[in-house]
C-alpha atoms as a PDB file:
ATOM      1  CA  MET A   1     137.691 -27.593  82.888  1.00  0.00           C
ATOM      2  CA  THR A   2     136.860 -23.991  83.804  1.00  0.00           C
ATOM      3  CA  ASP A   3     136.146 -21.566  80.968  1.00  0.00           C
ATOM      4  CA  ARG A   4     139.173 -19.829  79.556  1.00  0.00           C
ATOM      5  CA  ILE A   5     139.383 -16.056  79.607  1.00  0.00           C
ATOM      6  CA  THR A   6     138.191 -15.090  76.139  1.00  0.00           C
ATOM      7  CA  ASP A   7     138.394 -11.332  76.769  1.00  0.00           C
ATOM      8  CA  PRO A   8     140.800 -10.604  79.639  1.00  0.00           C
ATOM      9  CA  ALA A   9     139.806  -6.930  79.843  1.00  0.00           C
ATOM     10  CA  ALA A  10     136.118  -7.787  80.143  1.00  0.00           C
ATOM     11  CA  ALA A  11     136.812 -10.650  82.521  1.00  0.00           C
ATOM     12  CA  HIS A  12     138.108  -8.351  85.215  1.00  0.00           C
ATOM     13  CA  ALA A  13     136.411  -5.035  84.307  1.00  0.00           C
ATOM     14  CA  ALA A  14     133.932  -5.496  87.139  1.00  0.00           C
ATOM     15  CA  ASP A  15     136.775  -5.281  89.652  1.00  0.00           C
ATOM     16  CA  LYS A  16     137.442  -1.551  89.918  1.00  0.00           C
ATOM     17  CA  ASP A  17     140.847  -2.187  91.507  1.00  0.00           C
ATOM     18  CA  ILE A  18     142.178  -3.828  88.357  1.00  0.00           C
ATOM     19  CA  LYS A  19     143.629  -1.827  85.493  1.00  0.00           C
ATOM     20  CA  THR A  20     141.986  -2.885  82.236  1.00  0.00           C
ATOM     21  CA  SER A  21     144.642  -1.830  79.721  1.00  0.00           C
ATOM     22  CA  TRP A  22     146.829  -4.945  79.863  1.00  0.00           C
ATOM     23  CA  THR A  23     146.937  -6.509  76.458  1.00  0.00           C
ATOM     24  CA  ARG A  24     148.941  -9.240  74.852  1.00  0.00           C
ATOM     25  CA  ALA A  25     152.686  -9.054  75.294  1.00  0.00           C
ATOM     26  CA  ARG A  26     154.491  -7.084  72.618  1.00  0.00           C
ATOM     27  CA  LEU A  27     156.571  -9.700  70.826  1.00  0.00           C
ATOM     28  CA  ILE A  28     159.170 -10.126  68.132  1.00  0.00           C
ATOM     29  CA  GLU A  29     159.666 -13.194  65.951  1.00  0.00           C
ATOM     30  CA  PRO A  30     160.819 -16.287  67.879  1.00  0.00           C
ATOM     31  CA  SER A  31     164.451 -17.242  67.604  1.00  0.00           C
ATOM     32  CA  THR A  32     165.374 -20.069  65.247  1.00  0.00           C
ATOM     33  CA  SER A  33     167.956 -21.261  67.774  1.00  0.00           C
ATOM     34  CA  GLY A  34     167.592 -24.520  69.621  1.00  0.00           C
ATOM     35  CA  PHE A  35     168.048 -24.904  73.359  1.00  0.00           C
ATOM     36  CA  VAL A  36     169.148 -27.623  75.748  1.00  0.00           C
ATOM     37  CA  HIS A  37     168.047 -27.170  79.353  1.00  0.00           C
ATOM     38  CA  ILE A  38     169.900 -29.105  82.046  1.00  0.00           C
ATOM     39  CA  GLY A  39     168.511 -28.433  85.504  1.00  0.00           C
ATOM     40  CA  ALA A  40     169.375 -30.136  88.777  1.00  0.00           C
ATOM     41  CA  GLY A  41     167.963 -30.063  92.277  1.00  0.00           C
ATOM     42  CA  SER A  42     170.488 -30.614  95.048  1.00  0.00           C
ATOM     43  CA  GLY A  43     167.889 -31.199  97.759  1.00  0.00           C
ATOM     44  CA  ALA A  44     164.566 -30.142  99.249  1.00  0.00           C
ATOM     45  CA  TRP A  45     163.827 -26.440  99.808  1.00  0.00           C
ATOM     46  CA  ARG A  46     162.169 -25.589 103.109  1.00  0.00           C
ATOM     47  CA  THR A  47     162.428 -21.802 102.801  1.00  0.00           C
ATOM     48  CA  PRO A  48     162.015 -19.419  99.858  1.00  0.00           C
ATOM     49  CA  VAL A  49     165.713 -18.518 100.065  1.00  0.00           C
ATOM     50  CA  VAL A  50     168.172 -21.089  98.752  1.00  0.00           C
ATOM     51  CA  LEU A  51     170.659 -22.006 101.472  1.00  0.00           C
ATOM     52  CA  PRO A  52     174.310 -22.993 100.796  1.00  0.00           C
ATOM     53  CA  ARG A  53     174.820 -26.679 100.041  1.00  0.00           C
ATOM     54  CA  GLY A  54     177.973 -28.614  99.211  1.00  0.00           C
ATOM     55  CA  ARG A  55     176.136 -30.868  96.784  1.00  0.00           C
ATOM     56  CA  ARG A  56     175.075 -27.835  94.758  1.00  0.00           C
ATOM     57  CA  ARG A  57     178.659 -26.654  94.509  1.00  0.00           C
ATOM     58  CA  ARG A  58     179.638 -30.020  93.028  1.00  0.00           C
ATOM     59  CA  ILE A  59     176.753 -29.871  90.566  1.00  0.00           C
ATOM     60  CA  LEU A  60     177.674 -26.344  89.461  1.00  0.00           C
ATOM     61  CA  ALA A  61     181.306 -27.378  89.004  1.00  0.00           C
ATOM     62  CA  ALA A  62     180.231 -30.285  86.791  1.00  0.00           C
ATOM     63  CA  MET A  63     178.017 -27.950  84.753  1.00  0.00           C
ATOM     64  CA  HIS A  64     180.911 -25.573  84.160  1.00  0.00           C
ATOM     65  CA  VAL A  65     183.086 -28.433  82.911  1.00  0.00           C
ATOM     66  CA  ALA A  66     180.320 -29.464  80.514  1.00  0.00           C
ATOM     67  CA  ALA A  67     179.722 -25.859  79.409  1.00  0.00           C
ATOM     68  CA  ALA A  68     183.406 -25.392  78.549  1.00  0.00           C
ATOM     69  CA  GLU A  69     183.395 -28.572  76.479  1.00  0.00           C
ATOM     70  CA  LEU A  70     180.166 -27.680  74.706  1.00  0.00           C
ATOM     71  CA  LEU A  71     181.476 -24.265  73.664  1.00  0.00           C
ATOM     72  CA  GLY A  72     183.954 -26.137  71.483  1.00  0.00           C
ATOM     73  CA  ASP A  73     181.067 -27.764  69.585  1.00  0.00           C
ATOM     74  CA  PRO A  74     180.256 -25.891  66.340  1.00  0.00           C
ATOM     75  CA  ARG A  75     176.561 -26.497  66.934  1.00  0.00           C
ATOM     76  CA  VAL A  76     176.676 -24.545  70.231  1.00  0.00           C
ATOM     77  CA  THR A  77     176.554 -20.733  70.384  1.00  0.00           C
ATOM     78  CA  ARG A  78     176.212 -20.231  74.170  1.00  0.00           C
ATOM     79  CA  ALA A  79     176.400 -22.273  77.377  1.00  0.00           C
ATOM     80  CA  ASP A  80     175.526 -20.447  80.607  1.00  0.00           C
ATOM     81  CA  VAL A  81     175.294 -21.709  84.184  1.00  0.00           C
ATOM     82  CA  PHE A  82     172.786 -20.320  86.686  1.00  0.00           C
ATOM     83  CA  GLU A  83     172.444 -20.733  90.453  1.00  0.00           C
ATOM     84  CA  ALA A  84     169.058 -20.244  92.153  1.00  0.00           C
ATOM     85  CA  PHE A  85     168.801 -17.864  95.082  1.00  0.00           C
ATOM     86  CA  ILE A  86     165.075 -17.401  95.872  1.00  0.00           C
ATOM     87  CA  ARG A  87     161.601 -18.561  94.976  1.00  0.00           C
ATOM     88  CA  PRO A  88     159.468 -15.455  94.340  1.00  0.00           C
ATOM     89  CA  PRO A  89     155.716 -15.172  94.978  1.00  0.00           C
ATOM     90  CA  GLY A  90     153.396 -16.675  92.422  1.00  0.00           C
ATOM     91  CA  ARG A  91     153.853 -20.406  92.815  1.00  0.00           C
ATOM     92  CA  ARG A  92     150.762 -22.468  92.080  1.00  0.00           C
ATOM     93  CA  SER A  93     150.386 -26.217  92.409  1.00  0.00           C
ATOM     94  CA  HIS A  94     149.106 -28.267  89.525  1.00  0.00           C
ATOM     95  CA  GLY A  95     145.403 -28.863  89.131  1.00  0.00           C
ATOM     96  CA  PRO A  96     143.389 -32.072  88.968  1.00  0.00           C
ATOM     97  CA  GLY A  97     144.759 -34.395  86.324  1.00  0.00           C
ATOM     98  CA  GLN A  98     148.083 -32.552  86.155  1.00  0.00           C
ATOM     99  CA  ASP A  99     150.403 -34.955  87.914  1.00  0.00           C
ATOM    100  CA  VAL A 100     153.497 -32.774  87.531  1.00  0.00           C
ATOM    101  CA  PRO A 101     156.375 -32.624  90.035  1.00  0.00           C
ATOM    102  CA  ASP A 102     157.386 -29.381  91.670  1.00  0.00           C
ATOM    103  CA  ALA A 103     160.339 -27.479  90.202  1.00  0.00           C
ATOM    104  CA  ASP A 104     163.260 -27.533  92.639  1.00  0.00           C
ATOM    105  CA  PHE A 105     166.167 -26.933  90.276  1.00  0.00           C
ATOM    106  CA  ASP A 106     168.762 -24.820  92.085  1.00  0.00           C
ATOM    107  CA  ALA A 107     171.347 -25.182  89.287  1.00  0.00           C
ATOM    108  CA  VAL A 108     170.726 -24.830  85.544  1.00  0.00           C
ATOM    109  CA  LEU A 109     172.919 -25.100  82.467  1.00  0.00           C
ATOM    110  CA  LEU A 110     171.231 -23.494  79.457  1.00  0.00           C
ATOM    111  CA  VAL A 111     172.785 -24.277  76.082  1.00  0.00           C
ATOM    112  CA  GLU A 112     171.853 -22.414  72.910  1.00  0.00           C
ATOM    113  CA  THR A 113     172.475 -24.043  69.541  1.00  0.00           C
ATOM    114  CA  VAL A 114     172.439 -22.828  65.951  1.00  0.00           C
ATOM    115  CA  ASP A 115     169.073 -24.504  65.326  1.00  0.00           C
ATOM    116  CA  VAL A 116     166.571 -26.888  66.886  1.00  0.00           C
ATOM    117  CA  HIS A 117     168.025 -29.924  65.127  1.00  0.00           C
ATOM    118  CA  GLY A 118     171.396 -29.024  66.625  1.00  0.00           C
ATOM    119  CA  ALA A 119     169.860 -28.991  70.102  1.00  0.00           C
ATOM    120  CA  GLU A 120     168.482 -32.488  69.619  1.00  0.00           C
ATOM    121  CA  GLU A 121     171.914 -33.674  68.494  1.00  0.00           C
ATOM    122  CA  VAL A 122     173.703 -31.950  71.391  1.00  0.00           C
ATOM    123  CA  LEU A 123     171.262 -33.575  73.789  1.00  0.00           C
ATOM    124  CA  ARG A 124     172.693 -36.941  72.691  1.00  0.00           C
ATOM    125  CA  ALA A 125     176.319 -35.762  72.698  1.00  0.00           C
ATOM    126  CA  ALA A 126     178.889 -37.444  74.956  1.00  0.00           C
ATOM    127  CA  THR A 127     179.330 -34.297  77.076  1.00  0.00           C
ATOM    128  CA  VAL A 128     175.658 -34.106  77.959  1.00  0.00           C
ATOM    129  CA  THR A 129     175.462 -37.854  78.515  1.00  0.00           C
ATOM    130  CA  ARG A 130     178.362 -37.667  80.989  1.00  0.00           C
ATOM    131  CA  LEU A 131     176.788 -34.728  82.800  1.00  0.00           C
ATOM    132  CA  GLN A 132     173.484 -36.582  83.053  1.00  0.00           C
ATOM    133  CA  ALA A 133     175.284 -39.561  84.558  1.00  0.00           C
ATOM    134  CA  GLU A 134     176.966 -37.250  87.081  1.00  0.00           C
ATOM    135  CA  LEU A 135     173.615 -35.698  87.992  1.00  0.00           C
ATOM    136  CA  ASP A 136     172.115 -39.159  88.444  1.00  0.00           C
ATOM    137  CA  ARG A 137     174.778 -39.744  91.100  1.00  0.00           C
ATOM    138  CA  THR A 138     174.790 -36.308  92.696  1.00  0.00           C
ATOM    139  CA  ALA A 139     171.448 -34.547  92.279  1.00  0.00           C
ATOM    140  CA  ARG A 140     168.152 -35.252  93.968  1.00  0.00           C
ATOM    141  CA  ARG A 141     166.579 -35.062  90.525  1.00  0.00           C
ATOM    142  CA  SER A 142     167.242 -33.440  87.183  1.00  0.00           C
ATOM    143  CA  LEU A 143     165.429 -32.071  84.143  1.00  0.00           C
ATOM    144  CA  VAL A 144     167.115 -32.366  80.745  1.00  0.00           C
ATOM    145  CA  PHE A 145     165.372 -31.538  77.481  1.00  0.00           C
ATOM    146  CA  ALA A 146     165.915 -30.053  74.044  1.00  0.00           C
ATOM    147  CA  GLY A 147     163.503 -27.427  72.868  1.00  0.00           C
ATOM    148  CA  SER A 148     162.646 -24.475  70.675  1.00  0.00           C
ATOM    149  CA  ASN A 149     161.643 -20.858  71.233  1.00  0.00           C
ATOM    150  CA  ALA A 150     157.846 -20.664  71.183  1.00  0.00           C
ATOM    151  CA  ARG A 151     157.466 -16.924  71.896  1.00  0.00           C
ATOM    152  CA  ARG A 152     159.901 -14.051  72.418  1.00  0.00           C
ATOM    153  CA  ILE A 153     159.754 -10.519  73.785  1.00  0.00           C
ATOM    154  CA  ASP A 154     163.465 -10.121  73.037  1.00  0.00           C
ATOM    155  CA  ARG A 155     166.752 -11.910  73.582  1.00  0.00           C
ATOM    156  CA  VAL A 156     167.761 -12.527  77.205  1.00  0.00           C
ATOM    157  CA  ASP A 157     171.106 -10.863  77.930  1.00  0.00           C
ATOM    158  CA  HIS A 158     173.522 -13.402  79.434  1.00  0.00           C
ATOM    159  CA  GLU A 159     176.515 -11.071  79.218  1.00  0.00           C
ATOM    160  CA  ARG A 160     175.573  -9.147  82.356  1.00  0.00           C
ATOM    161  CA  GLN A 161     174.665 -10.270  85.850  1.00  0.00           C
ATOM    162  CA  GLY A 162     171.055  -9.734  86.860  1.00  0.00           C
ATOM    163  CA  VAL A 163     167.937 -11.431  88.175  1.00  0.00           C
ATOM    164  CA  PHE A 164     167.119 -14.325  85.856  1.00  0.00           C
ATOM    165  CA  LEU A 165     163.818 -16.168  85.897  1.00  0.00           C
ATOM    166  CA  PHE A 166     163.114 -19.742  84.923  1.00  0.00           C
ATOM    167  CA  ASN A 167     159.385 -20.336  85.311  1.00  0.00           C
ATOM    168  CA  TYR A 168     158.322 -23.953  84.913  1.00  0.00           C
ATOM    169  CA  PHE A 169     154.723 -24.141  83.695  1.00  0.00           C
ATOM    170  CA  SER A 170     152.286 -26.986  83.407  1.00  0.00           C
ATOM    171  CA  ALA A 171     148.898 -26.785  81.689  1.00  0.00           C
ATOM    172  CA  ASP A 172     146.335 -28.994  80.039  1.00  0.00           C
ATOM    173  CA  ASP A 173     147.970 -28.188  76.697  1.00  0.00           C
ATOM    174  CA  VAL A 174     150.618 -25.878  75.269  1.00  0.00           C
ATOM    175  CA  ASP A 175     148.098 -23.600  73.518  1.00  0.00           C
ATOM    176  CA  THR A 176     146.336 -22.893  76.809  1.00  0.00           C
ATOM    177  CA  ASN A 177     149.682 -22.187  78.443  1.00  0.00           C
ATOM    178  CA  LEU A 178     150.701 -19.768  75.664  1.00  0.00           C
ATOM    179  CA  TYR A 179     147.284 -18.095  75.807  1.00  0.00           C
ATOM    180  CA  ALA A 180     147.630 -17.340  79.521  1.00  0.00           C
ATOM    181  CA  TRP A 181     151.296 -16.396  79.199  1.00  0.00           C
ATOM    182  CA  GLN A 182     150.741 -13.788  76.485  1.00  0.00           C
ATOM    183  CA  TYR A 183     148.474 -11.698  78.745  1.00  0.00           C
ATOM    184  CA  THR A 184     150.408 -12.146  81.975  1.00  0.00           C
ATOM    185  CA  ALA A 185     153.616 -11.253  80.117  1.00  0.00           C
ATOM    186  CA  GLY A 186     151.899  -8.037  79.041  1.00  0.00           C
ATOM    187  CA  TRP A 187     151.369  -7.253  82.726  1.00  0.00           C
ATOM    188  CA  PHE A 188     155.064  -7.823  83.420  1.00  0.00           C
ATOM    189  CA  GLN A 189     155.999  -5.523  80.543  1.00  0.00           C
ATOM    190  CA  ASP A 190     153.774  -2.739  81.889  1.00  0.00           C
ATOM    191  CA  GLU A 191     154.352  -3.187  85.602  1.00  0.00           C
ATOM    192  CA  THR A 192     158.001  -4.280  85.871  1.00  0.00           C
ATOM    193  CA  GLY A 193     159.523  -2.885  82.682  1.00  0.00           C
ATOM    194  CA  LEU A 194     160.277  -6.368  81.370  1.00  0.00           C
ATOM    195  CA  ASP A 195     161.893  -6.026  77.932  1.00  0.00           C
ATOM    196  CA  ASN A 196     163.076  -9.572  77.243  1.00  0.00           C
ATOM    197  CA  SER A 197     161.821 -13.130  77.426  1.00  0.00           C
ATOM    198  CA  THR A 198     162.502 -16.406  75.664  1.00  0.00           C
ATOM    199  CA  VAL A 199     159.782 -19.022  76.120  1.00  0.00           C
ATOM    200  CA  LEU A 200     161.195 -22.523  75.758  1.00  0.00           C
ATOM    201  CA  ARG A 201     158.970 -25.293  74.446  1.00  0.00           C
ATOM    202  CA  PRO A 202     160.307 -28.782  75.169  1.00  0.00           C
ATOM    203  CA  ALA A 203     160.458 -31.049  72.135  1.00  0.00           C
ATOM    204  CA  GLU A 204     157.485 -33.370  71.866  1.00  0.00           C
ATOM    205  CA  SER A 205     159.874 -36.316  71.563  1.00  0.00           C
ATOM    206  CA  GLY A 206     161.310 -35.586  75.026  1.00  0.00           C
ATOM    207  CA  LYS A 207     160.111 -36.440  78.505  1.00  0.00           C
ATOM    208  CA  ALA A 208     159.892 -32.985  80.084  1.00  0.00           C
ATOM    209  CA  PRO A 209     156.919 -32.835  82.478  1.00  0.00           C
ATOM    210  CA  TYR A 210     156.418 -29.102  81.856  1.00  0.00           C
ATOM    211  CA  SER A 211     154.520 -27.566  78.950  1.00  0.00           C
ATOM    212  CA  LEU A 212     156.697 -24.415  78.767  1.00  0.00           C
ATOM    213  CA  VAL A 213     159.671 -22.876  80.557  1.00  0.00           C
ATOM    214  CA  ASN A 214     159.818 -19.089  80.477  1.00  0.00           C
ATOM    215  CA  HIS A 215     163.256 -17.484  80.755  1.00  0.00           C
ATOM    216  CA  CYS A 216     163.816 -13.751  81.216  1.00  0.00           C
ATOM    217  CA  ARG A 217     165.931 -11.173  83.060  1.00  0.00           C
ATOM    218  CA  TRP A 218     165.751  -7.968  85.084  1.00  0.00           C
ATOM    219  CA  ASP A 219     168.719  -5.817  86.089  1.00  0.00           C
ATOM    220  CA  ARG A 220     167.987  -5.939  89.827  1.00  0.00           C
ATOM    221  CA  MET A 221     165.527  -7.292  92.384  1.00  0.00           C
ATOM    222  CA  SER A 222     163.986  -3.853  92.901  1.00  0.00           C
ATOM    223  CA  ASP A 223     162.795  -3.956  89.271  1.00  0.00           C
ATOM    224  CA  VAL A 224     160.487  -6.908  89.871  1.00  0.00           C
ATOM    225  CA  MET A 225     160.020  -8.034  93.476  1.00  0.00           C
ATOM    226  CA  PRO A 226     158.051  -4.973  94.754  1.00  0.00           C
ATOM    227  CA  SER A 227     155.465  -5.510  92.001  1.00  0.00           C
ATOM    228  CA  LEU A 228     155.016  -9.166  93.002  1.00  0.00           C
ATOM    229  CA  VAL A 229     154.607  -8.290  96.671  1.00  0.00           C
ATOM    230  CA  PHE A 230     152.772  -4.963  96.753  1.00  0.00           C
ATOM    231  CA  LYS A 231     150.696  -4.631  93.573  1.00  0.00           C
ATOM    232  CA  PRO A 232     147.218  -6.172  94.065  1.00  0.00           C
ATOM    233  CA  SER A 233     146.909  -6.698  90.319  1.00  0.00           C
ATOM    234  CA  PHE A 234     149.593  -9.385  90.462  1.00  0.00           C
ATOM    235  CA  ARG A 235     147.221 -11.583  92.443  1.00  0.00           C
ATOM    236  CA  LYS A 236     143.966 -10.325  90.951  1.00  0.00           C
ATOM    237  CA  PHE A 237     145.056 -10.476  87.322  1.00  0.00           C
ATOM    238  CA  VAL A 238     148.227 -12.536  86.832  1.00  0.00           C
ATOM    239  CA  LEU A 239     147.554 -15.340  89.292  1.00  0.00           C
ATOM    240  CA  ARG A 240     143.849 -15.294  88.493  1.00  0.00           C
ATOM    241  CA  THR A 241     144.576 -15.688  84.785  1.00  0.00           C
ATOM    242  CA  PHE A 242     146.722 -18.725  85.529  1.00  0.00           C
ATOM    243  CA  THR A 243     144.115 -20.225  87.859  1.00  0.00           C
ATOM    244  CA  GLU A 244     141.201 -19.749  85.466  1.00  0.00           C
ATOM    245  CA  ASN A 245     143.176 -21.396  82.667  1.00  0.00           C
ATOM    246  CA  ARG A 246     144.480 -24.251  84.865  1.00  0.00           C
ATOM    247  CA  VAL A 247     148.076 -23.170  84.396  1.00  0.00           C
ATOM    248  CA  ALA A 248     150.488 -23.888  87.240  1.00  0.00           C
ATOM    249  CA  ALA A 249     153.530 -21.622  87.535  1.00  0.00           C
ATOM    250  CA  ARG A 250     156.720 -22.526  89.406  1.00  0.00           C
ATOM    251  CA  PRO A 251     159.006 -19.461  89.212  1.00  0.00           C
ATOM    252  CA  ILE A 252     162.601 -19.466  90.469  1.00  0.00           C
ATOM    253  CA  PHE A 253     165.055 -16.556  90.459  1.00  0.00           C
ATOM    254  CA  TYR A 254     168.696 -17.211  89.548  1.00  0.00           C
ATOM    255  CA  ARG A 255     172.033 -15.453  89.211  1.00  0.00           C
ATOM    256  CA  LEU A 256     174.631 -16.201  86.583  1.00  0.00           C
ATOM    257  CA  HIS A 257     177.203 -18.490  88.180  1.00  0.00           C
ATOM    258  CA  ARG A 258     180.779 -17.889  87.127  1.00  0.00           C
ATOM    259  CA  ALA A 259     183.412 -20.617  87.175  1.00  0.00           C
ATOM    260  CA  ASN A 260     186.121 -20.084  89.793  1.00  0.00           C
END
């Protein structure tokens, strides 16, 4: 394994093109809520932009039915449905020994519960079981797990439309993933004005192939995409930090999907 970055400022100080003031992300206490992530892929993506697909419409409709039912469960505080629209720059494949599938989830139902134990119970609830069975019939593949909030910049606002990120990470271990994330998230705070993020950690008892799933939001594409495309430090610092720590990132941008 390559050496981890022990001092990120020193690690790239020799490169005069890289700003050296990025520090750890400025965080608040993690939420005590639990989360259930239900993601589905309706088919292979051959372009960065997600193209219309009838199968995805059926998956989204099934997620809305499940979300409405779950909101009647006293353990559930929120249930929001998201539809992918583009894969942004920054994707990295897994490294040697990280046999992790790509993230191709173009529909996601994110459920928030009163606590982590509630998420584990909701995961076994009849509504989720029925939705999983529907996804087994309809989706190319799915990702369902209960988890907790490992780190938080601030709560992600689901009341307003925006550009929502789910970034599916894999790493040799969760600590390495969190180590790399805390510095790259500091870059996003400084360079894109990011003021929210909820890092989901799948429960160890589950079967999620990803070490962490980062979820956050910007108001509009112009808040984030120009920085990913035009700022050299995104490649020289953010992607380099992931590479040197053997962290693979699989970011996808989503919109809130409203039921018809």
